[in-house]
């Protein structure tokens, strides 16, 4: 695939995650699939959903930077870190 296409797809993924974080923080409710985490009733679950979305944004930014040729491959970095 062309590098611009990869950067665009992961940019859209990052924007969706940012929108999800904004919506969750403004309403106090985070939906994660079939689960619903209210910040007042289950703050740990709410925080984990927000943290997972932040990790998605970080990975998307790393893939975009790789597509632009600014850093190495983030997938191989994760493989060497955990493999």
N, C-alpha and C. Protein backbone atom coordinates (compact mmCIF):
# COMPACT_ATOMS: atom_id res chain seq x y z
N UNK A 1 0.83 -1.19 0.00
CA UNK A 1 0.00 0.00 0.00
C UNK A 1 0.87 1.25 0.00
N UNK A 2 0.38 2.30 -0.62
CA UNK A 2 1.14 3.56 -0.59
C UNK A 2 1.21 4.13 0.83
N UNK A 3 2.31 4.80 1.10
CA UNK A 3 2.52 5.34 2.44
C UNK A 3 1.49 6.42 2.79
N UNK A 4 1.06 7.20 1.82
CA UNK A 4 0.07 8.24 2.11
C UNK A 4 -1.26 7.63 2.51
N UNK A 5 -1.59 6.46 1.94
CA UNK A 5 -2.84 5.79 2.29
C UNK A 5 -2.79 5.27 3.73
N UNK A 6 -1.66 4.69 4.11
CA UNK A 6 -1.49 4.19 5.48
C UNK A 6 -1.58 5.35 6.47
N UNK A 7 -0.92 6.46 6.15
CA UNK A 7 -0.96 7.63 7.03
C UNK A 7 -2.38 8.18 7.15
N UNK A 8 -3.13 8.17 6.06
CA UNK A 8 -4.51 8.66 6.09
C UNK A 8 -5.40 7.77 6.93
N UNK A 9 -5.28 6.46 6.75
CA UNK A 9 -6.12 5.52 7.51
C UNK A 9 -5.84 5.64 9.01
N UNK A 10 -4.59 5.67 9.39
CA UNK A 10 -4.27 5.77 10.81
C UNK A 10 -4.55 7.17 11.36
N UNK A 11 -4.51 8.18 10.52
CA UNK A 11 -4.94 9.51 10.95
C UNK A 11 -6.42 9.55 11.26
N UNK A 12 -7.22 8.88 10.43
CA UNK A 12 -8.66 8.78 10.70
C UNK A 12 -8.93 7.98 11.97
N UNK A 13 -8.15 6.92 12.19
CA UNK A 13 -8.28 6.14 13.42
C UNK A 13 -7.97 7.00 14.64
N UNK A 14 -6.93 7.80 14.56
CA UNK A 14 -6.57 8.69 15.67
C UNK A 14 -7.66 9.73 15.91
N UNK A 15 -8.22 10.28 14.84
CA UNK A 15 -9.30 11.26 15.00
C UNK A 15 -10.53 10.63 15.64
N UNK A 16 -10.85 9.39 15.27
CA UNK A 16 -11.98 8.70 15.89
C UNK A 16 -11.73 8.48 17.37
N UNK A 17 -10.50 8.13 17.73
CA UNK A 17 -10.18 7.92 19.15
C UNK A 17 -10.24 9.23 19.92
N UNK A 18 -9.77 10.32 19.32
CA UNK A 18 -9.84 11.63 19.98
C UNK A 18 -11.30 12.04 20.17
N UNK A 19 -12.13 11.80 19.16
CA UNK A 19 -13.55 12.12 19.28
C UNK A 19 -14.20 11.27 20.39
N UNK A 20 -13.82 10.01 20.47
CA UNK A 20 -14.36 9.15 21.53
C UNK A 20 -13.95 9.61 22.92
N UNK A 21 -12.70 10.04 23.06
CA UNK A 21 -12.24 10.56 24.35
C UNK A 21 -12.99 11.84 24.70
N UNK A 22 -13.14 12.73 23.75
CA UNK A 22 -13.86 13.99 23.99
C UNK A 22 -15.30 13.72 24.41
N UNK A 23 -15.96 12.82 23.69
CA UNK A 23 -17.35 12.50 24.00
C UNK A 23 -17.48 11.85 25.37
N UNK A 24 -16.54 10.96 25.70
CA UNK A 24 -16.58 10.30 27.00
C UNK A 24 -16.32 11.27 28.15
N UNK A 25 -15.35 12.14 27.98
CA UNK A 25 -15.03 13.09 29.05
C UNK A 25 -16.13 14.13 29.23
N UNK A 26 -16.79 14.51 28.15
CA UNK A 26 -17.85 15.52 28.29
C UNK A 26 -19.12 14.93 28.89
N UNK A 27 -19.38 13.64 28.64
CA UNK A 27 -20.61 13.04 29.18
C UNK A 27 -20.38 12.29 30.48
N UNK A 28 -19.14 11.87 30.74
CA UNK A 28 -18.86 11.09 31.94
C UNK A 28 -19.18 9.62 31.79
N UNK A 29 -19.47 9.19 30.57
CA UNK A 29 -19.80 7.79 30.29
C UNK A 29 -18.93 7.32 29.13
N UNK A 30 -18.27 6.18 29.31
CA UNK A 30 -17.47 5.59 28.25
C UNK A 30 -18.08 4.25 27.87
N UNK A 31 -18.36 4.10 26.59
CA UNK A 31 -18.88 2.84 26.07
C UNK A 31 -17.74 2.09 25.40
N UNK A 32 -17.58 0.85 25.75
CA UNK A 32 -16.54 0.02 25.17
C UNK A 32 -17.19 -1.29 24.73
N UNK A 33 -17.69 -1.30 23.51
CA UNK A 33 -18.38 -2.49 23.03
C UNK A 33 -19.72 -2.66 23.73
N UNK A 34 -19.87 -3.74 24.46
CA UNK A 34 -21.14 -4.00 25.15
C UNK A 34 -21.15 -3.43 26.56
N UNK A 35 -20.02 -2.92 27.03
CA UNK A 35 -19.93 -2.41 28.39
C UNK A 35 -20.12 -0.91 28.42
N UNK A 36 -20.64 -0.42 29.53
CA UNK A 36 -20.85 1.01 29.74
C UNK A 36 -20.23 1.37 31.09
N UNK A 37 -19.27 2.28 31.07
CA UNK A 37 -18.57 2.68 32.28
C UNK A 37 -18.92 4.12 32.62
N UNK A 38 -19.58 4.31 33.75
CA UNK A 38 -19.92 5.64 34.24
C UNK A 38 -18.80 6.09 35.18
N UNK A 39 -18.37 7.32 35.05
CA UNK A 39 -17.25 7.80 35.84
C UNK A 39 -17.57 7.81 37.34
N UNK A 40 -18.84 7.96 37.70
CA UNK A 40 -19.22 7.97 39.12
C UNK A 40 -19.36 6.56 39.68
N UNK A 41 -19.84 5.62 38.88
CA UNK A 41 -20.09 4.27 39.37
C UNK A 41 -18.89 3.34 39.21
N UNK A 42 -18.12 3.52 38.14
CA UNK A 42 -16.98 2.65 37.88
C UNK A 42 -15.83 3.50 37.32
N UNK A 43 -15.13 4.24 38.19
CA UNK A 43 -14.08 5.12 37.69
C UNK A 43 -12.88 4.38 37.11
N UNK A 44 -12.58 3.19 37.62
CA UNK A 44 -11.44 2.44 37.08
C UNK A 44 -11.72 1.97 35.66
N UNK A 45 -12.91 1.45 35.42
CA UNK A 45 -13.28 1.04 34.07
C UNK A 45 -13.28 2.21 33.11
N UNK A 46 -13.78 3.35 33.57
CA UNK A 46 -13.79 4.56 32.76
C UNK A 46 -12.36 4.97 32.41
N UNK A 47 -11.47 4.94 33.40
CA UNK A 47 -10.07 5.31 33.16
C UNK A 47 -9.38 4.34 32.21
N UNK A 48 -9.70 3.05 32.31
CA UNK A 48 -9.09 2.07 31.42
C UNK A 48 -9.54 2.26 29.97
N UNK A 49 -10.79 2.61 29.78
CA UNK A 49 -11.28 2.87 28.42
C UNK A 49 -10.57 4.10 27.84
N UNK A 50 -10.44 5.15 28.63
CA UNK A 50 -9.75 6.35 28.17
C UNK A 50 -8.27 6.04 27.89
N UNK A 51 -7.64 5.26 28.77
CA UNK A 51 -6.23 4.90 28.57
C UNK A 51 -6.05 4.06 27.31
N UNK A 52 -6.97 3.15 27.03
CA UNK A 52 -6.85 2.34 25.82
C UNK A 52 -6.99 3.21 24.57
N UNK A 53 -7.85 4.20 24.62
CA UNK A 53 -7.98 5.11 23.48
C UNK A 53 -6.74 5.97 23.31
N UNK A 54 -6.10 6.35 24.41
CA UNK A 54 -4.85 7.11 24.32
C UNK A 54 -3.75 6.25 23.70
N UNK A 55 -3.72 4.97 24.03
CA UNK A 55 -2.74 4.07 23.41
C UNK A 55 -3.00 3.92 21.92
N UNK A 56 -4.26 3.88 21.52
CA UNK A 56 -4.59 3.81 20.10
C UNK A 56 -4.08 5.06 19.38
N UNK A 57 -4.26 6.22 20.00
CA UNK A 57 -3.77 7.46 19.40
C UNK A 57 -2.25 7.44 19.29
N UNK A 58 -1.57 6.98 20.33
CA UNK A 58 -0.10 6.93 20.30
C UNK A 58 0.40 6.00 19.20
N UNK A 59 -0.25 4.84 19.04
CA UNK A 59 0.17 3.91 18.00
C UNK A 59 -0.13 4.49 16.62
N UNK A 60 -1.27 5.15 16.47
CA UNK A 60 -1.61 5.75 15.18
C UNK A 60 -0.60 6.84 14.81
N UNK A 61 -0.20 7.64 15.77
CA UNK A 61 0.79 8.68 15.51
C UNK A 61 2.13 8.05 15.12
N UNK A 62 2.50 6.96 15.79
CA UNK A 62 3.75 6.27 15.45
C UNK A 62 3.71 5.71 14.03
N UNK A 63 2.58 5.15 13.62
CA UNK A 63 2.47 4.62 12.26
C UNK A 63 2.50 5.75 11.24
N UNK A 64 1.86 6.87 11.56
CA UNK A 64 1.90 8.02 10.65
C UNK A 64 3.33 8.54 10.50
N UNK A 65 4.05 8.65 11.61
CA UNK A 65 5.44 9.10 11.54
C UNK A 65 6.30 8.12 10.76
N UNK A 66 6.01 6.82 10.88
CA UNK A 66 6.74 5.82 10.10
C UNK A 66 6.40 5.96 8.62
N UNK A 67 5.13 6.21 8.30
CA UNK A 67 4.74 6.38 6.90
C UNK A 67 5.40 7.61 6.28
N UNK A 68 5.66 8.61 7.09
CA UNK A 68 6.34 9.81 6.60
C UNK A 68 7.85 9.66 6.59
N UNK A 69 8.36 8.53 7.11
CA UNK A 69 9.78 8.27 7.10
C UNK A 69 10.55 8.92 8.23
N UNK A 70 9.86 9.32 9.28
CA UNK A 70 10.53 10.02 10.38
C UNK A 70 11.03 9.10 11.48
N UNK A 71 10.42 7.92 11.64
CA UNK A 71 10.86 6.95 12.65
C UNK A 71 10.86 5.56 12.02
N UNK A 72 11.38 4.60 12.77
CA UNK A 72 11.38 3.21 12.32
C UNK A 72 9.99 2.58 12.43
N UNK A 73 9.91 1.32 12.08
CA UNK A 73 8.64 0.60 12.08
C UNK A 73 8.17 0.35 13.51
N UNK A 74 7.00 0.88 13.91
CA UNK A 74 6.53 0.68 15.28
C UNK A 74 6.12 -0.76 15.57
N UNK A 75 5.68 -1.49 14.56
CA UNK A 75 5.30 -2.88 14.78
C UNK A 75 6.52 -3.72 15.11
N UNK A 76 7.62 -3.51 14.40
CA UNK A 76 8.84 -4.26 14.72
C UNK A 76 9.41 -3.83 16.07
N UNK A 77 9.23 -2.56 16.44
CA UNK A 77 9.67 -2.12 17.76
C UNK A 77 8.88 -2.83 18.86
N UNK A 78 7.57 -2.95 18.67
CA UNK A 78 6.74 -3.66 19.66
C UNK A 78 7.10 -5.14 19.70
N UNK A 79 7.38 -5.71 18.53
CA UNK A 79 7.76 -7.12 18.47
C UNK A 79 9.06 -7.38 19.23
N UNK A 80 10.03 -6.50 19.06
CA UNK A 80 11.30 -6.69 19.78
C UNK A 80 11.15 -6.40 21.27
N UNK A 81 10.21 -5.52 21.62
CA UNK A 81 9.99 -5.20 23.02
C UNK A 81 9.31 -6.35 23.75
N UNK A 82 8.28 -6.94 23.14
CA UNK A 82 7.50 -7.98 23.80
C UNK A 82 7.84 -9.39 23.33
N UNK A 83 8.60 -9.52 22.27
CA UNK A 83 8.86 -10.85 21.72
C UNK A 83 10.11 -11.38 22.22
